[in-house]
């Protein structure tokens, strides 16, 4: 019987340091998120303006996210993170001081939210690709899932602490604690052994690299499908920071404690779900479909729950399903993207997850104010389920393989014509080898298990420039 290797990636010292720092910092981040949402409601009383605040915070990701990914491909990721984490901590400290002194006004919150979003546009794709640099391709799915567990454990603990802390010590405490928590990540990054990192070769500086990355994704169904699905879900279903404060206040008549409890229920579910899938999750199209359908269905159940208890149970399930959904999509992108394109691909992932909030945040906030929080929440669940089914049908029609090997970047160039014919602008079948097609047709499961476990494409798929990135000889050293 195969043993679940839930904590396999923690054998890597650099990743252990990263997780330790991230554990403290993520709790502080969630405390600030709860505090910021409640601060905006206290200052304005408006769900729409709460959505506007989040829109401004995530607007830089939408506008500058691809450039952040390009920087992540070009620069030393560890040093880049040292700067972004330090600046984020300084911004949290400033907001805490303004709130503690009673000087804070709504326009100040907007400016600081935009500044934090600007830093995140660079920080997010760098953190995503840095995971692979720490652990290598063999353990990236496990590491991504464990990273999600850490973040969702923080979602379980941080909001609950923030809800109580706000009622006792005031809003400023959540911002000041977050400022201190960033120091843990900075220390962890400083203590890492740089010789054990596995950096990908930086692409040569040239004009058109950003457009090249966009074309690569647009013409690669293996990457475009999970990105499109997450864009839809990120815009309509993952706007919990907008919906849940209104859900707690207007639907159930609660305060900051109920708001924090709702996020905590999601976090606890995500932790338990993550522990289950961490040792066995496989980044395939089928798993993506099932997890997306489960997530969307549970969001719909939470929206129609008649009591707070049932809503909390549904939110618990949402947390479990969301970690499988996001970890699967994230791993599919990291494993299927060519190494020299990975930073740009993960920048688009950041746009899908956070960069859609400038559109979805105000929209969902307005819908929640006019039609009610229940309708706004249910809309996201239904949209995710419809999108999952539509994209899965598209993948089946295009015969996209259910494997996790990298797709060569020349797919975005003239080589695509070999799959569709020179006169067809859109290929009828993806440009994969005949051997790969044969290994997948007739079944929904992935190719041979030993190939998947070893982090390499199935037999018959060439590795070279378009294959898996080369690992360090001592990669599997324990």
Protein backbone atom coordinates (compact mmCIF):
# COMPACT_ATOMS: atom_id res chain seq x y z
CA UNK A 1 0.00 0.00 0.00
CA UNK A 2 1.44 3.32 -1.07
CA UNK A 3 2.27 5.59 1.83
CA UNK A 4 0.93 9.14 1.62
CA UNK A 5 3.97 11.41 1.65
CA UNK A 6 2.13 14.42 3.01
CA UNK A 7 5.18 16.28 4.31
CA UNK A 8 7.76 15.08 1.77
CA UNK A 9 8.82 18.56 0.62
CA UNK A 10 9.61 19.59 4.22
CA UNK A 11 12.73 17.41 4.04
CA UNK A 12 14.21 20.33 2.13
CA UNK A 13 15.85 22.77 4.58
CA UNK A 14 15.20 25.87 2.50
CA UNK A 15 11.54 25.00 2.17
CA UNK A 16 11.27 24.32 5.92
CA UNK A 17 12.62 27.81 6.60
CA UNK A 18 10.21 29.29 4.08
CA UNK A 19 7.20 27.50 5.58
CA UNK A 20 8.18 28.54 9.11
CA UNK A 21 8.37 32.20 8.13
CA UNK A 22 5.26 32.00 6.00
CA UNK A 23 3.28 30.44 8.85
CA UNK A 24 3.76 33.52 11.02
CA UNK A 25 3.41 36.02 8.19
CA UNK A 26 0.24 34.47 6.75
CA UNK A 27 -1.52 34.76 10.11
CA UNK A 28 -0.63 38.44 10.21
CA UNK A 29 -1.83 38.91 6.64
CA UNK A 30 -5.24 37.42 7.41
CA UNK A 31 -5.53 39.55 10.52
CA UNK A 32 -4.94 42.64 8.39
CA UNK A 33 -7.45 41.52 5.77
CA UNK A 34 -10.18 41.19 8.39
CA UNK A 35 -9.14 44.46 9.99
CA UNK A 36 -9.06 46.37 6.71
CA UNK A 37 -12.50 45.12 5.68
CA UNK A 38 -14.03 46.06 9.01
CA UNK A 39 -12.23 49.43 9.00
CA UNK A 40 -13.75 50.31 5.61
CA UNK A 41 -17.22 49.31 6.84
CA UNK A 42 -16.76 51.48 9.94
CA UNK A 43 -15.55 54.45 7.87
CA UNK A 44 -18.10 54.19 5.04
CA UNK A 45 -20.78 51.59 5.86
CA UNK A 46 -20.83 50.67 2.16
CA UNK A 47 -20.37 47.27 0.57
CA UNK A 48 -19.68 48.92 -2.78
CA UNK A 49 -16.84 51.00 -1.32
CA UNK A 50 -15.48 47.86 0.33
CA UNK A 51 -15.36 46.35 -3.16
CA UNK A 52 -13.70 49.51 -4.50
CA UNK A 53 -11.00 49.23 -1.82
CA UNK A 54 -10.19 45.67 -2.83
CA UNK A 55 -10.36 46.68 -6.49
CA UNK A 56 -7.68 49.31 -5.98
CA UNK A 57 -5.57 46.85 -3.99
CA UNK A 58 -5.66 44.32 -6.81
CA UNK A 59 -5.61 46.72 -9.77
CA UNK A 60 -1.78 46.69 -10.00
CA UNK A 61 -1.90 42.91 -10.39
CA UNK A 62 -4.23 43.31 -13.35
CA UNK A 63 -2.18 46.08 -14.97
CA UNK A 64 1.38 45.12 -14.05
CA UNK A 65 1.17 41.42 -13.19
CA UNK A 66 2.73 40.20 -16.47
CA UNK A 67 5.69 42.55 -15.96
CA UNK A 68 6.03 41.20 -12.43
CA UNK A 69 6.29 37.73 -13.90
CA UNK A 70 8.93 38.90 -16.37
CA UNK A 71 10.99 40.33 -13.49
CA UNK A 72 10.54 37.03 -11.64
CA UNK A 73 12.00 35.21 -14.66
CA UNK A 74 14.97 37.60 -14.93
CA UNK A 75 16.01 38.43 -11.34
CA UNK A 76 17.23 36.60 -8.25
CA UNK A 77 13.95 35.52 -6.65
CA UNK A 78 15.23 35.31 -3.07
CA UNK A 79 16.63 38.84 -3.11
CA UNK A 80 13.50 40.13 -4.80
CA UNK A 81 11.35 38.65 -2.04
CA UNK A 82 13.53 40.23 0.64
CA UNK A 83 12.63 43.64 -0.79
CA UNK A 84 8.92 43.00 -1.39
CA UNK A 85 8.33 41.50 2.06
CA UNK A 86 10.16 44.37 3.78
CA UNK A 87 8.14 47.01 1.94
CA UNK A 88 4.86 45.21 2.68
CA UNK A 89 5.72 45.20 6.38
CA UNK A 90 6.43 48.94 6.30
CA UNK A 91 3.04 49.63 4.69
CA UNK A 92 1.24 47.59 7.35
CA UNK A 93 3.09 49.50 10.07
CA UNK A 94 2.05 52.84 8.57
CA UNK A 95 -1.63 51.83 8.44
CA UNK A 96 -1.44 50.62 12.03
CA UNK A 97 0.02 53.92 13.24
CA UNK A 98 -2.61 55.96 11.35
CA UNK A 99 -5.40 53.85 12.85
CA UNK A 100 -4.00 53.89 16.39
CA UNK A 101 -3.66 57.69 16.36
CA UNK A 102 -7.18 58.21 14.98
CA UNK A 103 -5.89 59.98 11.88
CA UNK A 104 -6.97 57.34 9.37
CA UNK A 105 -9.46 58.34 6.68
CA UNK A 106 -10.98 56.34 3.85
CA UNK A 107 -8.80 57.94 1.16
CA UNK A 108 -5.69 56.95 3.13
CA UNK A 109 -6.84 53.34 3.20
CA UNK A 110 -7.29 53.48 -0.58
CA UNK A 111 -3.76 54.80 -1.15
CA UNK A 112 -2.16 52.22 1.14
CA UNK A 113 -4.22 49.42 -0.42
CA UNK A 114 -3.02 50.46 -3.88
CA UNK A 115 0.59 50.63 -2.69
CA UNK A 116 0.37 47.14 -1.19
CA UNK A 117 -1.15 45.85 -4.41
CA UNK A 118 1.72 47.33 -6.40
CA UNK A 119 4.21 45.41 -4.28
CA UNK A 120 2.12 42.24 -4.58
CA UNK A 121 2.17 42.46 -8.38
CA UNK A 122 5.89 41.71 -8.14
CA UNK A 123 5.81 39.58 -5.00
CA UNK A 124 3.11 37.10 -6.04
CA UNK A 125 4.62 35.60 -9.23
CA UNK A 126 8.02 35.56 -7.55
CA UNK A 127 6.74 33.58 -4.55
CA UNK A 128 4.86 31.16 -6.80
CA UNK A 129 7.90 30.28 -8.92
CA UNK A 130 10.29 30.35 -5.94
CA UNK A 131 8.56 27.22 -4.58
CA UNK A 132 9.78 25.21 -7.57
CA UNK A 133 13.24 26.72 -7.17
CA UNK A 134 13.38 25.49 -3.56
CA UNK A 135 12.11 21.91 -3.99
CA UNK A 136 12.44 20.93 -7.67
CA UNK A 137 9.82 19.49 -10.01
CA UNK A 138 9.51 16.13 -8.22
CA UNK A 139 8.05 17.74 -5.10
CA UNK A 140 6.39 20.88 -6.43
CA UNK A 141 2.80 19.59 -6.20
CA UNK A 142 3.37 18.52 -2.60
CA UNK A 143 5.04 21.85 -1.77
CA UNK A 144 2.29 23.91 -3.41
CA UNK A 145 -0.34 22.00 -1.44
CA UNK A 146 1.54 22.39 1.85
CA UNK A 147 1.93 26.09 1.12
CA UNK A 148 -1.83 26.28 0.65
CA UNK A 149 -2.30 24.42 3.94
CA UNK A 150 -0.16 27.01 5.72
CA UNK A 151 -2.11 29.89 4.21
CA UNK A 152 -5.45 28.31 5.01
CA UNK A 153 -4.38 27.39 8.53
CA UNK A 154 -3.67 31.08 8.89
CA UNK A 155 -7.15 31.75 7.50
CA UNK A 156 -8.50 29.57 10.31
CA UNK A 157 -6.48 31.21 13.08
CA UNK A 158 -5.81 34.78 11.92
CA UNK A 159 -9.41 35.96 11.36
CA UNK A 160 -10.61 34.41 14.62
CA UNK A 161 -7.86 36.22 16.54
CA UNK A 162 -8.53 39.42 14.61
CA UNK A 163 -12.27 39.31 15.30
CA UNK A 164 -11.71 39.04 19.05
CA UNK A 165 -8.74 41.41 19.04
CA UNK A 166 -10.66 44.13 17.21
CA UNK A 167 -13.43 44.05 19.81
CA UNK A 168 -10.89 44.22 22.68
CA UNK A 169 -7.91 46.30 21.49
CA UNK A 170 -9.23 48.05 18.38
CA UNK A 171 -8.49 47.80 14.67
CA UNK A 172 -4.90 49.08 14.85
CA UNK A 173 -3.68 45.95 16.63
CA UNK A 174 -4.33 43.72 13.59
CA UNK A 175 -2.24 45.98 11.34
CA UNK A 176 0.65 46.32 13.80
CA UNK A 177 0.85 42.55 14.38
CA UNK A 178 0.94 41.99 10.62
CA UNK A 179 3.83 44.45 10.29
CA UNK A 180 5.85 42.44 12.81
CA UNK A 181 4.97 39.12 11.14
CA UNK A 182 6.70 40.10 7.88
CA UNK A 183 9.99 40.05 9.76
CA UNK A 184 9.71 36.24 10.05
CA UNK A 185 9.77 35.80 6.27
CA UNK A 186 12.70 38.19 5.89
CA UNK A 187 14.71 36.18 8.44
CA UNK A 188 13.81 32.87 6.76
CA UNK A 189 14.93 34.15 3.35
CA UNK A 190 18.19 35.48 4.80
CA UNK A 191 19.01 32.11 6.41
CA UNK A 192 18.51 30.03 3.25
CA UNK A 193 21.35 28.14 1.63
CA UNK A 194 21.57 29.69 -1.83
CA UNK A 195 23.70 26.81 -3.11
CA UNK A 196 20.77 24.40 -2.67
CA UNK A 197 18.37 26.47 -4.77
CA UNK A 198 17.54 25.34 -8.32
CA UNK A 199 17.15 28.55 -10.35
CA UNK A 200 16.00 28.31 -13.94
CA UNK A 201 18.14 29.96 -16.57
CA UNK A 202 17.09 33.58 -16.95
CA UNK A 203 15.76 34.42 -20.43
CA UNK A 204 17.90 36.75 -22.48
CA UNK A 205 16.66 40.33 -22.49
CA UNK A 206 14.87 40.98 -25.74
CA UNK A 207 11.95 42.96 -27.06
CA UNK A 208 8.59 41.25 -27.15
CA UNK A 209 9.18 38.82 -24.27
CA UNK A 210 5.92 39.81 -22.59
CA UNK A 211 3.94 39.33 -25.81
CA UNK A 212 5.74 36.03 -26.33
CA UNK A 213 4.52 34.81 -22.94
CA UNK A 214 0.94 35.87 -23.64
CA UNK A 215 0.97 34.14 -27.04
CA UNK A 216 2.43 31.01 -25.47
CA UNK A 217 -0.45 30.75 -23.01
CA UNK A 218 -3.15 31.79 -25.47
CA UNK A 219 -2.22 28.99 -27.89
CA UNK A 220 -1.65 26.32 -25.26
CA UNK A 221 -4.89 24.74 -24.06
CA UNK A 222 -3.02 22.91 -21.28
CA UNK A 223 -2.31 26.33 -19.71
CA UNK A 224 -5.16 28.49 -20.97
CA UNK A 225 -7.93 26.22 -19.63
CA UNK A 226 -7.02 26.33 -15.91
CA UNK A 227 -6.22 30.05 -16.21
CA UNK A 228 -9.60 30.85 -17.76
CA UNK A 229 -11.44 28.81 -15.16
CA UNK A 230 -9.59 30.48 -12.30
CA UNK A 231 -10.22 33.90 -13.86
CA UNK A 232 -13.96 33.27 -13.79
CA UNK A 233 -13.89 31.88 -10.25
CA UNK A 234 -11.54 34.61 -9.04
CA UNK A 235 -13.80 37.34 -10.40
CA UNK A 236 -17.13 36.03 -9.08
CA UNK A 237 -16.64 33.28 -6.48
CA UNK A 238 -13.48 34.14 -4.54
CA UNK A 239 -14.65 37.64 -3.53
CA UNK A 240 -15.12 36.47 0.05
CA UNK A 241 -13.52 39.61 1.49
CA UNK A 242 -16.37 41.58 -0.07
CA UNK A 243 -19.28 39.20 0.55
CA UNK A 244 -18.55 37.76 3.99
CA UNK A 245 -18.54 41.05 5.95
CA UNK A 246 -21.99 41.81 4.48
CA UNK A 247 -23.07 38.18 4.95
CA UNK A 248 -22.13 38.38 8.63
CA UNK A 249 -23.65 41.82 9.25
CA UNK A 250 -26.75 41.93 7.04
CA UNK A 251 -27.80 38.27 6.77
CA UNK A 252 -27.01 37.01 10.27
CA UNK A 253 -26.87 40.30 12.20
CA UNK A 254 -23.35 39.67 13.52
CA UNK A 255 -20.24 41.75 14.12
CA UNK A 256 -16.52 41.32 13.57
CA UNK A 257 -16.55 38.10 15.64
CA UNK A 258 -19.00 36.39 13.24
CA UNK A 259 -17.04 37.70 10.26
CA UNK A 260 -13.83 36.24 11.66
CA UNK A 261 -15.59 32.97 12.49
CA UNK A 262 -16.71 32.57 8.88
CA UNK A 263 -13.16 32.91 7.57
CA UNK A 264 -11.95 30.56 10.29
CA UNK A 265 -14.45 27.88 9.21
CA UNK A 266 -13.08 28.08 5.67
CA UNK A 267 -9.52 27.94 6.96
CA UNK A 268 -10.10 24.85 9.12
CA UNK A 269 -11.72 23.06 6.19
CA UNK A 270 -8.83 23.99 3.93
CA UNK A 271 -6.26 22.69 6.41
CA UNK A 272 -7.96 19.32 6.81
CA UNK A 273 -8.62 19.05 3.09
CA UNK A 274 -5.04 19.98 2.33
CA UNK A 275 -3.64 17.34 4.67
CA UNK A 276 -5.72 14.74 2.85
CA UNK A 277 -4.71 15.75 -0.67
CA UNK A 278 -1.10 16.79 -0.03
CA UNK A 279 0.27 13.27 -0.33
CA UNK A 280 -1.99 12.08 -3.14
CA UNK A 281 -3.12 15.06 -5.25
CA UNK A 282 -2.42 14.63 -8.97
CA UNK A 283 -2.54 17.68 -11.20
CA UNK A 284 -4.84 16.41 -13.95
CA UNK A 285 -7.78 17.78 -15.92
CA UNK A 286 -10.16 15.37 -14.19
CA UNK A 287 -9.11 16.43 -10.69
CA UNK A 288 -9.47 20.07 -11.73
CA UNK A 289 -13.04 19.46 -12.90
CA UNK A 290 -14.11 17.56 -9.79
CA UNK A 291 -12.57 20.06 -7.37
CA UNK A 292 -14.05 23.04 -9.24
CA UNK A 293 -17.53 21.48 -9.27
CA UNK A 294 -17.25 20.67 -5.57
CA UNK A 295 -16.14 24.20 -4.75
CA UNK A 296 -18.90 25.85 -6.78
CA UNK A 297 -21.58 23.57 -5.37
CA UNK A 298 -20.58 24.26 -1.77
CA UNK A 299 -20.54 28.02 -2.41
CA UNK A 300 -24.12 27.71 -3.63
CA UNK A 301 -25.09 25.69 -0.53
CA UNK A 302 -23.57 28.35 1.74
CA UNK A 303 -25.56 31.03 -0.07
CA UNK A 304 -28.91 29.33 0.65
CA UNK A 305 -28.08 28.07 4.17
CA UNK A 306 -30.99 29.10 6.46
CA UNK A 307 -28.95 29.27 9.67
CA UNK A 308 -25.50 30.45 10.70
CA UNK A 309 -24.54 26.92 11.77
CA UNK A 310 -25.33 25.45 8.36
CA UNK A 311 -23.54 28.34 6.65
CA UNK A 312 -20.42 27.66 8.73
CA UNK A 313 -20.56 23.96 7.80
CA UNK A 314 -20.79 24.88 4.12
CA UNK A 315 -17.91 27.35 4.50
CA UNK A 316 -15.88 24.54 6.08
CA UNK A 317 -16.51 22.47 2.94
CA UNK A 318 -15.65 25.42 0.70
CA UNK A 319 -12.27 25.63 2.36
CA UNK A 320 -11.55 21.95 1.72
CA UNK A 321 -12.67 22.10 -1.91
CA UNK A 322 -10.91 25.38 -2.65
CA UNK A 323 -7.48 24.09 -1.65
CA UNK A 324 -7.82 21.11 -4.01
CA UNK A 325 -9.12 23.41 -6.76
CA UNK A 326 -6.37 26.01 -6.48
CA UNK A 327 -3.52 23.60 -5.74
CA UNK A 328 -4.44 21.51 -8.79
CA UNK A 329 -4.62 24.50 -11.12
CA UNK A 330 -1.42 25.99 -9.69
CA UNK A 331 0.52 22.73 -10.06
CA UNK A 332 -0.78 22.18 -13.59
CA UNK A 333 0.58 25.56 -14.62
CA UNK A 334 3.96 25.16 -12.92
CA UNK A 335 4.53 21.65 -14.26
CA UNK A 336 3.22 22.28 -17.77
CA UNK A 337 4.91 25.64 -18.34
CA UNK A 338 8.31 25.68 -20.01
CA UNK A 339 10.95 26.78 -17.45
CA UNK A 340 11.85 29.99 -19.27
CA UNK A 341 8.14 30.93 -19.41
CA UNK A 342 7.17 29.89 -15.88
CA UNK A 343 7.40 33.33 -14.26
CA UNK A 344 5.20 34.91 -16.91
CA UNK A 345 2.69 32.07 -16.71
CA UNK A 346 2.47 32.37 -12.92
CA UNK A 347 2.02 36.13 -13.24
CA UNK A 348 -1.10 35.37 -15.27
CA UNK A 349 -2.13 33.01 -12.46
CA UNK A 350 -1.83 35.94 -10.08
CA UNK A 351 -4.02 38.03 -12.38
CA UNK A 352 -6.60 35.24 -12.46
CA UNK A 353 -6.65 34.94 -8.68
CA UNK A 354 -6.27 38.57 -7.60
CA UNK A 355 -6.12 40.80 -10.65
CA UNK A 356 -9.78 40.15 -11.46
CA UNK A 357 -10.88 41.78 -8.20
CA UNK A 358 -10.85 45.31 -9.72
CA UNK A 359 -13.79 44.07 -11.80
CA UNK A 360 -15.32 41.47 -9.51
CA UNK A 361 -14.95 43.32 -6.20
CA UNK A 362 -17.12 46.37 -6.96
CA UNK A 363 -19.49 44.21 -9.04
CA UNK A 364 -20.09 41.66 -6.30
CA UNK A 365 -20.24 44.42 -3.68
CA UNK A 366 -22.93 46.23 -5.65
CA UNK A 367 -24.88 43.02 -6.24
CA UNK A 368 -24.70 42.22 -2.52
CA UNK A 369 -26.05 45.68 -1.66
CA UNK A 370 -28.92 45.55 -4.15
CA UNK A 371 -29.86 41.85 -4.39
CA UNK A 372 -28.45 40.70 -1.05
CA UNK A 373 -25.31 38.82 0.05
CA UNK A 374 -26.96 35.44 -0.58
CA UNK A 375 -27.51 36.18 -4.26
CA UNK A 376 -23.99 37.56 -4.69
CA UNK A 377 -22.47 34.46 -3.07
CA UNK A 378 -24.61 32.01 -5.04
CA UNK A 379 -23.82 33.72 -8.34
CA UNK A 380 -20.14 32.89 -7.96
CA UNK A 381 -20.85 29.24 -7.19
CA UNK A 382 -23.08 28.74 -10.22
CA UNK A 383 -20.64 30.55 -12.53
CA UNK A 384 -17.75 28.34 -11.38
CA UNK A 385 -19.68 25.12 -12.02
CA UNK A 386 -20.79 26.22 -15.50
CA UNK A 387 -17.26 27.33 -16.36
CA UNK A 388 -15.74 24.04 -15.16
CA UNK A 389 -18.06 21.94 -17.30
CA UNK A 390 -17.59 24.13 -20.38
CA UNK A 391 -13.80 24.09 -20.19
CA UNK A 392 -13.63 20.36 -19.51
CA UNK A 393 -15.73 19.70 -22.61
CA UNK A 394 -13.37 21.97 -24.55
CA UNK A 395 -10.33 20.01 -23.33
CA UNK A 396 -11.94 16.73 -24.34
CA UNK A 397 -12.80 18.03 -27.80
CA UNK A 398 -9.24 19.30 -28.25
CA UNK A 399 -7.88 15.99 -26.91
CA UNK A 400 -5.66 17.78 -24.43
CA UNK A 401 -3.65 15.15 -22.53
CA UNK A 402 -4.13 14.54 -18.83
CA UNK A 403 -0.44 14.74 -17.95
CA UNK A 404 1.82 17.22 -16.18
CA UNK A 405 4.83 17.58 -18.46
CA UNK A 406 6.12 20.94 -19.73
CA UNK A 407 4.87 22.28 -23.06
CA UNK A 408 7.70 23.66 -25.23
CA UNK A 409 7.57 27.41 -25.90
CA UNK A 410 7.74 26.98 -29.67
CA UNK A 411 4.08 25.98 -29.46
CA UNK A 412 3.37 29.70 -29.75
CA UNK A 413 5.28 30.02 -33.00
CA UNK A 414 4.90 28.52 -36.44
CA UNK A 415 5.18 24.96 -35.12
CA UNK A 416 1.53 25.17 -34.18
CA UNK A 417 0.62 24.90 -37.84
CA UNK A 418 1.71 21.27 -37.93
CA UNK A 419 -1.24 20.34 -35.74
CA UNK A 420 -3.94 22.30 -37.52
CA UNK A 421 -2.82 22.85 -41.06
CA UNK A 422 -1.32 26.07 -42.38
CA UNK A 423 -4.70 27.59 -43.28
CA UNK A 424 -6.23 27.17 -39.81
CA UNK A 425 -5.60 29.98 -37.29
CA UNK A 426 -6.70 27.80 -34.38
CA UNK A 427 -5.43 24.23 -34.11
CA UNK A 428 -8.05 21.48 -34.06
CA UNK A 429 -5.80 19.36 -31.85
CA UNK A 430 -3.03 20.42 -29.48
CA UNK A 431 0.55 20.13 -30.76
CA UNK A 432 1.58 17.11 -28.76
CA UNK A 433 3.28 14.01 -30.00
CA UNK A 434 1.36 11.07 -31.37
CA UNK A 435 2.72 8.88 -28.61
CA UNK A 436 1.31 11.24 -26.02
CA UNK A 437 -2.07 11.24 -27.71
CA UNK A 438 -2.13 7.43 -27.72
CA UNK A 439 -1.25 7.32 -24.03
CA UNK A 440 -4.29 9.38 -23.12
CA UNK A 441 -7.10 8.68 -25.58
CA UNK A 442 -9.75 6.35 -24.29
CA UNK A 443 -9.23 7.18 -20.63
CA UNK A 444 -9.48 10.19 -18.34
CA UNK A 445 -6.74 9.15 -15.92
CA UNK A 446 -3.11 10.26 -16.21
CA UNK A 447 -0.40 8.17 -17.86
CA UNK A 448 1.72 5.64 -16.04
CA UNK A 449 1.93 6.29 -12.32
CA UNK A 450 5.68 5.83 -12.18
CA UNK A 451 6.19 8.60 -14.73
CA UNK A 452 3.96 10.94 -12.77
CA UNK A 453 5.70 10.17 -9.49
CA UNK A 454 9.12 10.75 -11.00
CA UNK A 455 8.09 14.15 -12.35
CA UNK A 456 8.80 13.29 -15.99
CA UNK A 457 6.57 13.11 -19.07
CA UNK A 458 5.26 9.73 -20.26
CA UNK A 459 7.33 7.45 -22.41
CA UNK A 460 7.54 8.61 -25.97
CA UNK A 461 7.69 12.31 -25.17
CA UNK A 462 11.01 13.95 -25.91
CA UNK A 463 12.63 15.91 -23.10
CA UNK A 464 15.33 18.25 -24.56
CA UNK A 465 14.38 21.90 -24.87
CA UNK A 466 10.71 21.25 -24.56
CA UNK A 467 10.92 18.58 -21.91
CA UNK A 468 11.25 18.66 -18.18
CA UNK A 469 13.78 21.08 -16.78
CA UNK A 470 17.07 19.49 -15.77
CA UNK A 471 17.50 18.91 -12.05
CA UNK A 472 20.60 19.29 -9.97
CA UNK A 473 22.39 15.95 -9.43
CA UNK A 474 21.84 16.24 -5.68
CA UNK A 475 18.17 17.19 -6.02
CA UNK A 476 16.81 14.16 -4.25
CA UNK A 477 19.28 14.45 -1.40
CA UNK A 478 17.46 14.24 1.89
